[in-house]
Structure formats: C-alpha cells, structure tokens
Amino acid sequence: MCKRVRARSAAAPSHYNLSVQIVSSAPTRIDLAGGTLDIWPLYLFHDGASTLNVAISLRAHAQIDSREDGRVELRSIDTDRRVVADQWSALDPAGDLSLLARFARHARLENATLTTRGESPAGAGIAGSSALTIAVCGALARWSQHRPEAEADGDTRECLEPEHLLQLAMNVECQVIRVPTGMQDYRPALFGGVAAIELRTDGVRRVPLDVEPSELERRIVLAYTGAPRNSGTNNWEITKRHIDGDSHVFDCFERIRDTAVAMRHALEHGDWDGVGRHISTEWDNRKRLAPGVTTPAIDALINRAKRVGATAAKVCGAGGGGCLFCYGPPEAREAIATALADGGARVLDYHIEMEGLRVG
C-alpha cells in the first residue's frame, strides 16, 4: 500500500549523506509487576511505586537508506504500508504511518527511506510500539549526525543522549495514540536487562537488578493468545477512574505497588517460589482493576498451564488479549509450553536480552 504526498513547499531538499545506511533495533519486554502505575500522575499517589520488567530478544527494527532522488519514503513491513513525499515537510503527521511521519518531520529526514519491522506479534502487550519508537529514534539520531547543519550547531551528541531519546519517544507516541503513555516501556528498549523502574516525586530512576537471567528465563513461558489488544485505551479507562477518585482502583494499585516491592526482594534473593507467589498476587489485583483485563480465553489458557505445573501466570501489558506468560519450575517448562500450544496459543521463542538499543 503506497501513498504519494506532494510537497507543500517549493524549496528543494539539500542532498547529502548519499551513501549512508543505518540499522537499529531495540528489545521488547515482559512486565513482571507494577504496570499501569508508571503512567503519570498515578504513581505520585502511591508512595514507593515501582515497576519490574525484563527486556527480551523479540526486537523492533529500523533502517535508514539513502536515496538518489531527494524524496522521503516511510515503509512499515509489518503493516505493508508505504508513504512517499517530496520532502519531510510534506509528510502528514495525521495520515498514514503517522508515528513514522512525526519522527521523520522532527528529524527533518530527507533523501532517505525509513523502514521498520517488528519481531513481536501485533498488539502483543510486550511494548512492541515503544521498542519501535526507541529503534526509530536511535536510527534518526545517528542519521542526524551526518547533517551539515547539525555538525555546525554542535548538537550531534545531545540527540543520542538516553534522556533525550526517552523524552522524544514518549512524547511522540503520546501524540499518536492520544492518551498518556507510561514511563517503563522505553527503558528496557533503551537499556535491556532486568530492572526496577522507581517512580519517585523527584524523577524516574532505573535500577538494574542483580538477577541471573537464565534462572528467570527457564521459569517463564511466553505465549501469544492470538487476540491483539489496545493498551492505550485499556490503561486510559483505568487512569480516568483513578483520577476521578475510584477507591476500588486506588486500593488495587496500593496492593500492586506492595507486590512489586515484595517481588523485587524475592528476585534479588533468588527466592523463585516467592516470585511465583507475587506474580499470582499481582494478577489477582490486576484483574480487579477492570473487567476487560482478562477474558475467558485467557483464563482457559492459564488453567491449562496450571494443570501441568505452572504456579502463576499473568497477561503482559494492559490485558484483554495479546501475550501472557506462565511461571513455574524449570522441569515443567516444556509441559507448560505444550499445554499452551494445544490450547491455541502461539508459544514465543525468546531469551532475556541484556543489551538495549543497538545502532550501527
């Protein structure tokens, strides 16, 4: 699918970096505990709030290739969509591929093709869109280093600073989905690893956790339920209820906060049985936030996994579909994966990714 856009300005683009190719990628994540609390300003109402997540190897990819015709092209392999414009200012931020168009306009991309693809299923709940924004930001930041005006202004280093990338990714994605974004999803994409995201009044801080990745990985089976979901909409409904003073939602988040603290302690001390108990507690409280967090299909898959040895399970992200993960002893991992597959889910091959954004 291709959309051609005519330039709004007669100004001809300057041609440079004619031989440049830039590739970048960023990992997705599994959120273990504390999700949704990372949406501003919810965490400000729950002292000591934090989220726990782990980066995984299902990456989002971006690539920039130079062109010889002066145009700008945006391509999404996942959606089979394509937009071509005579120059960056002609890209419509409200049209097709609006996320890419906004980033390309911000970077004043010209004489180049920006291509994206993701390894995770659509609407999986493992922060694929956030990983994609970080990958795109990283690629465009590197591309910007080749701009003569950037070199003259001396701003080529700032554009690759982590805080700059985080703010840009979060703000542009918010413009596109038109509801608040959370704080946690961009950090595993940028840094990788297993981490706590501490949500404090004086700022957000990422703390790497001293956890053996292989020990956690061999206890978690990740599966796609086959039903995508819209995390922005689900989270926004919960956020509105919280802001409107819903005491039930407030109490659920208090317990979710406490569970994240307890799970962090269990992870750091290698208490793997305790980790499973806290995942179950998190899921019990998360289901109470809204009726759409779980579905009969999700419940059926979790029950199948528990019958063969899973001790805990929860959906990834906002729920309602997408991915779920099941937790259990290593010796039950294969049986859990088989049970999920027999129930119609697609078991996803992954490993815990200790490296975040790659740009080359």
Protein backbone atom coordinates (compact mmCIF):
# COMPACT_ATOMS: atom_id res chain seq x y z
CA MET A 1 0.00 0.00 0.00
CA CYS A 2 1.54 3.32 -1.05
CA LYS A 3 0.51 6.91 -0.57
CA ARG A 4 2.23 9.68 -2.52
CA VAL A 5 2.38 13.09 -0.87
CA ARG A 6 3.25 16.27 -2.73
CA ALA A 7 5.46 18.87 -1.13
CA ARG A 8 3.86 21.92 0.43
CA SER A 9 6.94 23.99 -0.23
CA ALA A 10 8.86 24.63 -3.40
CA ALA A 11 12.13 24.57 -1.50
CA ALA A 12 14.35 21.79 -2.82
CA PRO A 13 15.89 19.43 -0.27
CA SER A 14 19.62 19.52 0.19
CA HIS A 15 21.28 16.27 -0.85
CA TYR A 16 23.84 14.80 1.48
CA ASN A 17 24.78 11.50 3.15
CA LEU A 18 24.18 9.80 -0.20
CA SER A 19 25.92 6.57 0.82
CA VAL A 20 24.56 6.22 4.35
CA GLN A 21 22.82 3.11 5.68
CA ILE A 22 21.86 2.97 9.36
CA VAL A 23 20.32 -0.01 11.14
CA SER A 24 19.00 -0.07 14.68
CA SER A 25 16.99 -2.36 16.93
CA ALA A 26 15.55 -2.34 20.44
CA PRO A 27 14.17 -5.15 22.63
CA THR A 28 10.62 -5.59 23.81
CA ARG A 29 9.83 -6.56 27.42
CA ILE A 30 7.89 -8.72 29.84
CA ASP A 31 6.38 -6.66 32.66
CA LEU A 32 6.58 -8.63 35.88
CA ALA A 33 4.84 -6.29 38.32
CA GLY A 34 3.70 -2.73 38.90
CA GLY A 35 2.45 -1.93 35.41
CA THR A 36 -0.01 0.94 34.76
CA LEU A 37 1.30 2.67 37.89
CA ASP A 38 4.02 4.07 35.63
CA ILE A 39 1.50 6.35 33.90
CA TRP A 40 1.85 9.94 35.11
CA PRO A 41 0.46 11.08 37.51
CA LEU A 42 -0.79 7.78 39.01
CA TYR A 43 2.49 6.88 40.69
CA LEU A 44 2.51 10.22 42.53
CA PHE A 45 -0.48 9.00 44.54
CA HIS A 46 1.26 5.79 45.65
CA ASP A 47 4.48 6.47 47.55
CA GLY A 48 7.22 3.98 46.75
CA ALA A 49 5.68 2.91 43.45
CA SER A 50 7.84 0.95 41.03
CA THR A 51 7.56 -1.42 38.11
CA LEU A 52 9.64 -4.50 37.38
CA ASN A 53 10.38 -5.60 33.84
CA VAL A 54 12.78 -7.68 31.81
CA ALA A 55 13.93 -6.98 28.26
CA ILE A 56 13.51 -9.83 25.78
CA SER A 57 15.02 -10.69 22.43
CA LEU A 58 11.93 -10.06 20.25
CA ARG A 59 13.26 -6.83 18.81
CA ALA A 60 11.86 -3.94 16.83
CA HIS A 61 14.00 -2.81 13.90
CA ALA A 62 14.52 0.42 11.97
CA GLN A 63 16.69 1.06 8.93
CA ILE A 64 17.53 4.24 7.06
CA ASP A 65 18.84 4.02 3.49
CA SER A 66 19.91 6.98 1.43
CA ARG A 67 18.14 7.77 -1.84
CA GLU A 68 19.23 9.49 -5.01
CA ASP A 69 16.01 11.31 -5.88
CA GLY A 70 15.74 13.66 -2.89
CA ARG A 71 12.45 12.20 -1.68
CA VAL A 72 11.50 10.79 1.72
CA GLU A 73 9.98 7.32 1.95
CA LEU A 74 8.45 5.65 5.01
CA ARG A 75 7.85 1.89 4.97
CA SER A 76 6.27 -0.43 7.53
CA ILE A 77 6.93 -4.05 6.68
CA ASP A 78 4.51 -5.22 9.38
CA THR A 79 1.52 -3.31 8.00
CA ASP A 80 2.61 -3.35 4.35
CA ARG A 81 2.19 0.42 4.15
CA ARG A 82 4.34 2.96 2.39
CA VAL A 83 4.34 6.74 2.14
CA VAL A 84 6.49 8.80 -0.24
CA ALA A 85 6.86 12.58 -0.02
CA ASP A 86 8.90 15.11 -1.96
CA GLN A 87 10.38 16.34 1.33
CA TRP A 88 9.91 15.95 5.08
CA SER A 89 7.60 18.95 5.45
CA ALA A 90 5.07 17.26 3.14
CA LEU A 91 4.64 14.25 5.44
CA ASP A 92 1.22 14.27 7.12
CA PRO A 93 1.52 13.71 10.90
CA ALA A 94 -2.15 12.71 10.97
CA GLY A 95 -2.06 10.47 7.90
CA ASP A 96 -0.73 7.02 7.09
CA LEU A 97 2.23 5.88 9.20
CA SER A 98 1.69 8.88 11.46
CA LEU A 99 4.23 7.71 14.06
CA LEU A 100 7.00 7.47 11.47
CA ALA A 101 5.88 10.71 9.84
CA ARG A 102 6.14 12.61 13.12
CA PHE A 103 9.62 11.26 13.81
CA ALA A 104 10.76 11.99 10.25
CA ARG A 105 9.44 15.54 10.48
CA HIS A 106 11.16 16.06 13.82
CA ALA A 107 14.48 14.88 12.37
CA ARG A 108 13.88 16.65 9.03
CA LEU A 109 14.64 13.42 7.25
CA GLU A 110 15.36 13.88 3.57
CA ASN A 111 16.82 11.96 0.66
CA ALA A 112 16.25 8.72 2.58
CA THR A 113 13.98 5.73 3.16
CA LEU A 114 13.00 4.78 6.72
CA THR A 115 11.88 1.15 7.06
CA THR A 116 10.56 -0.54 10.19
CA ARG A 117 9.60 -4.05 11.24
CA GLY A 118 8.92 -5.87 14.49
CA GLU A 119 9.58 -9.41 15.64
CA SER A 120 6.69 -9.44 18.12
CA PRO A 121 3.05 -10.04 17.12
CA ALA A 122 0.81 -7.00 16.71
CA GLY A 123 -0.89 -5.90 19.92
CA ALA A 124 1.10 -8.40 21.96
CA GLY A 125 1.35 -6.29 25.12
CA ILE A 126 5.13 -6.60 25.28
CA ALA A 127 5.81 -2.95 24.39
CA GLY A 128 6.47 -3.52 20.70
CA SER A 129 5.39 0.01 19.80
CA SER A 130 7.66 1.52 22.46
CA ALA A 131 10.58 -0.60 21.27
CA LEU A 132 9.88 0.58 17.73
CA THR A 133 9.91 4.23 18.79
CA ILE A 134 13.28 3.76 20.51
CA ALA A 135 14.71 1.97 17.46
CA VAL A 136 13.47 4.75 15.16
CA CYS A 137 14.76 7.47 17.50
CA GLY A 138 18.17 5.80 17.64
CA ALA A 139 18.42 5.46 13.87
CA LEU A 140 17.33 9.04 13.23
CA ALA A 141 19.69 10.36 15.89
CA ARG A 142 22.58 8.61 14.18
CA TRP A 143 21.39 9.85 10.79
CA SER A 144 21.26 13.40 12.15
CA GLN A 145 24.97 13.23 12.91
CA HIS A 146 25.53 13.34 9.15
CA ARG A 147 23.61 16.60 8.72
CA PRO A 148 25.92 19.54 7.97
CA GLU A 149 23.77 21.96 9.97
CA ALA A 150 23.80 19.62 12.99
CA GLU A 151 27.57 19.44 12.90
CA ALA A 152 27.76 23.21 12.63
CA ASP A 153 25.42 23.64 15.61
CA GLY A 154 27.36 21.10 17.66
CA ASP A 155 24.18 19.19 18.67
CA THR A 156 25.11 15.75 17.32
CA ARG A 157 25.97 14.34 20.75
CA GLU A 158 22.84 15.51 22.54
CA CYS A 159 20.49 13.70 20.16
CA LEU A 160 21.88 10.31 21.23
CA GLU A 161 21.69 11.01 24.96
CA PRO A 162 19.37 8.47 26.68
CA GLU A 163 17.18 11.11 28.33
CA HIS A 164 16.72 12.90 25.01
CA LEU A 165 15.69 9.67 23.29
CA LEU A 166 13.32 8.74 26.13
CA GLN A 167 11.52 12.07 26.11
CA LEU A 168 11.22 12.17 22.34
CA ALA A 169 9.94 8.60 22.08
CA MET A 170 7.41 9.02 24.88
CA ASN A 171 6.08 12.37 23.68
CA VAL A 172 5.70 11.43 20.02
CA GLU A 173 3.98 8.13 20.82
CA CYS A 174 1.59 10.03 23.08
CA GLN A 175 0.78 12.41 20.21
CA VAL A 176 -0.13 9.42 18.04
CA ILE A 177 -2.19 7.31 20.46
CA ARG A 178 -3.69 10.45 22.07
CA VAL A 179 -3.69 9.08 25.62
CA PRO A 180 -0.92 9.18 28.24
CA THR A 181 1.98 6.77 27.85
CA GLY A 182 3.72 5.00 30.70
CA MET A 183 7.28 5.53 31.89
CA GLN A 184 8.50 1.94 31.97
CA ASP A 185 8.35 0.57 28.42
CA TYR A 186 11.01 2.76 26.83
CA ARG A 187 13.67 1.87 29.38
CA PRO A 188 14.05 -1.87 28.67
CA ALA A 189 14.11 -0.96 24.98
CA LEU A 190 16.91 1.51 25.59
CA PHE A 191 18.95 -0.31 28.23
CA GLY A 192 17.98 -4.01 28.21
CA GLY A 193 18.32 -6.28 31.23
CA VAL A 194 16.21 -6.95 34.33
CA ALA A 195 15.35 -3.76 36.19
CA ALA A 196 13.18 -1.92 38.64
CA ILE A 197 11.80 1.40 37.47
CA GLU A 198 11.44 3.53 40.58
CA LEU A 199 8.68 6.11 40.17
CA ARG A 200 9.54 8.96 42.52
CA THR A 201 8.42 12.52 43.04
CA ASP A 202 11.89 13.76 42.10
CA GLY A 203 12.07 11.71 38.91
CA VAL A 204 12.06 8.25 37.41
CA ARG A 205 15.07 6.06 38.11
CA ARG A 206 16.04 2.74 36.52
CA VAL A 207 17.81 0.31 38.84
CA PRO A 208 19.36 -2.83 37.28
CA LEU A 209 18.60 -5.90 39.40
CA ASP A 210 21.21 -8.49 40.30
CA VAL A 211 19.30 -11.42 38.84
CA GLU A 212 20.74 -14.37 36.93
CA PRO A 213 18.92 -14.07 33.57
CA SER A 214 18.99 -17.79 32.79
CA GLU A 215 17.34 -18.66 36.11
CA LEU A 216 14.42 -16.36 35.38
CA GLU A 217 14.22 -17.27 31.71
CA ARG A 218 13.88 -21.00 32.27
CA ARG A 219 10.91 -20.40 34.57
CA ILE A 220 8.89 -18.21 32.17
CA VAL A 221 6.96 -19.38 29.11
CA LEU A 222 5.74 -16.54 26.89
CA ALA A 223 2.77 -17.10 24.58
CA TYR A 224 0.61 -15.03 22.25
CA THR A 225 -3.10 -15.61 22.77
CA GLY A 226 -3.96 -14.75 19.18
CA ALA A 227 -6.08 -11.74 20.11
CA PRO A 228 -4.41 -8.30 19.87
CA ARG A 229 -5.40 -5.51 22.23
CA ASN A 230 -5.13 -1.74 22.57
CA SER A 231 -3.14 -0.99 25.71
CA GLY A 232 -3.62 2.76 25.45
CA THR A 233 -7.40 2.53 25.61
CA ASN A 234 -7.47 -0.02 28.44
CA ASN A 235 -4.98 1.90 30.58
CA TRP A 236 -6.69 5.22 29.91
CA GLU A 237 -10.02 3.96 31.25
CA ILE A 238 -8.31 2.78 34.43
CA THR A 239 -6.38 6.05 34.72
CA LYS A 240 -9.55 8.12 34.42
CA ARG A 241 -11.27 6.09 37.12
CA HIS A 242 -8.29 6.59 39.43
CA ILE A 243 -8.18 10.36 38.82
CA ASP A 244 -11.95 10.54 39.38
CA GLY A 245 -11.44 9.13 42.87
CA ASP A 246 -12.47 5.49 42.46
CA SER A 247 -11.43 3.99 45.81
CA HIS A 248 -11.55 0.45 44.46
CA VAL A 249 -8.97 1.27 41.78
CA PHE A 250 -6.84 3.13 44.33
CA ASP A 251 -6.81 0.15 46.69
CA CYS A 252 -5.91 -2.23 43.85
CA PHE A 253 -2.94 -0.06 42.94
CA GLU A 254 -1.82 0.10 46.56
CA ARG A 255 -1.65 -3.70 46.58
CA ILE A 256 0.02 -3.78 43.15
CA ARG A 257 2.66 -1.37 44.47
CA ASP A 258 3.29 -3.53 47.53
CA THR A 259 3.52 -6.66 45.38
CA ALA A 260 6.17 -5.08 43.14
CA VAL A 261 8.26 -4.24 46.21
CA ALA A 262 7.95 -7.79 47.53
CA MET A 263 8.73 -9.34 44.14
CA ARG A 264 11.85 -7.22 43.78
CA HIS A 265 13.10 -8.55 47.11
CA ALA A 266 12.36 -12.13 46.03
CA LEU A 267 14.17 -11.66 42.70
CA GLU A 268 17.24 -10.15 44.32
CA HIS A 269 17.45 -13.00 46.84
CA GLY A 270 16.79 -15.84 44.41
CA ASP A 271 13.51 -16.77 46.09
CA TRP A 272 11.96 -18.31 43.00
CA ASP A 273 8.93 -19.74 44.78
CA GLY A 274 8.30 -16.29 46.23
CA VAL A 275 8.49 -14.74 42.77
CA GLY A 276 5.71 -17.07 41.65
CA ARG A 277 3.52 -16.18 44.62
CA HIS A 278 3.94 -12.48 43.92
CA ILE A 279 3.09 -12.93 40.22
CA SER A 280 -0.16 -14.61 41.30
CA THR A 281 -0.94 -11.78 43.71
CA GLU A 282 -0.21 -9.18 41.03
CA TRP A 283 -2.53 -10.91 38.59
CA ASP A 284 -5.32 -11.23 41.16
CA ASN A 285 -5.22 -7.49 41.83
CA ARG A 286 -4.81 -6.54 38.19
CA LYS A 287 -7.94 -8.47 37.22
CA ARG A 288 -9.86 -6.39 39.77
CA LEU A 289 -8.92 -3.13 38.04
CA ALA A 290 -11.35 -3.61 35.16
CA PRO A 291 -13.48 -6.44 33.74
CA GLY A 292 -11.66 -6.38 30.39
CA VAL A 293 -8.22 -7.20 31.78
CA THR A 294 -8.85 -10.92 31.42
CA THR A 295 -11.07 -12.93 29.08
CA PRO A 296 -12.49 -16.46 29.10
CA ALA A 297 -9.84 -17.46 26.54
CA ILE A 298 -7.02 -16.12 28.73
CA ASP A 299 -8.44 -17.85 31.81
CA ALA A 300 -8.71 -21.13 29.91
CA LEU A 301 -5.06 -20.95 28.80
CA ILE A 302 -3.88 -20.18 32.33
CA ASN A 303 -5.89 -23.10 33.71
CA ARG A 304 -4.36 -25.44 31.14
CA ALA A 305 -0.87 -24.31 32.13
CA LYS A 306 -1.56 -24.72 35.84
CA ARG A 307 -2.78 -28.26 35.35
CA VAL A 308 0.69 -29.25 34.11
CA GLY A 309 2.79 -27.41 36.65
CA ALA A 310 2.59 -23.62 36.23
CA THR A 311 2.43 -21.92 39.61
CA ALA A 312 1.50 -18.45 38.34
CA ALA A 313 0.55 -16.53 35.22
CA LYS A 314 -0.49 -13.06 34.10
CA VAL A 315 -1.09 -11.13 30.94
CA CYS A 316 1.55 -8.80 29.58
CA GLY A 317 0.71 -5.12 29.45
CA ALA A 318 -2.82 -3.85 29.90
CA GLY A 319 -4.52 -7.18 29.27
CA GLY A 320 -7.59 -8.08 27.28
CA GLY A 321 -5.53 -10.09 24.81
CA GLY A 322 -2.01 -10.08 23.46
CA CYS A 323 0.60 -12.12 25.32
CA LEU A 324 0.54 -13.89 28.63
CA PHE A 325 3.38 -15.52 30.49
CA CYS A 326 3.27 -18.58 32.70
CA TYR A 327 5.71 -19.13 35.52
CA GLY A 328 6.75 -22.42 37.02
CA PRO A 329 9.63 -24.73 37.91
CA PRO A 330 12.15 -25.35 35.12
CA GLU A 331 11.22 -29.02 34.87
CA ALA A 332 7.64 -28.06 33.98
CA ARG A 333 8.57 -25.58 31.26
CA GLU A 334 8.16 -27.94 28.31
CA ALA A 335 4.83 -29.28 29.55
CA ILE A 336 3.56 -25.73 30.10
CA ALA A 337 4.57 -24.72 26.58
CA THR A 338 2.84 -27.78 25.12
CA ALA A 339 -0.34 -27.11 27.09
CA LEU A 340 -0.49 -23.52 25.87
CA ALA A 341 0.10 -24.55 22.26
CA ASP A 342 -2.57 -27.25 22.50
CA GLY A 343 -4.93 -24.58 23.81
CA GLY A 344 -4.44 -22.47 20.68
CA ALA A 345 -1.76 -20.05 21.85
CA ARG A 346 1.47 -19.42 19.96
CA VAL A 347 4.46 -20.04 22.21
CA LEU A 348 7.14 -17.42 21.50
CA ASP A 349 10.80 -18.31 21.48
CA TYR A 350 12.77 -15.66 23.35
CA HIS A 351 15.67 -15.06 25.67
CA ILE A 352 16.30 -12.35 28.22
CA GLU A 353 18.14 -9.55 26.44
CA MET A 354 20.84 -7.80 28.42
CA GLU A 355 21.61 -5.32 25.63
CA GLY A 356 19.24 -2.49 24.82
CA LEU A 357 19.28 -0.18 21.81
CA ARG A 358 21.72 -1.11 19.06
CA VAL A 359 22.62 1.38 16.35
CA GLY A 360 25.07 0.64 13.57
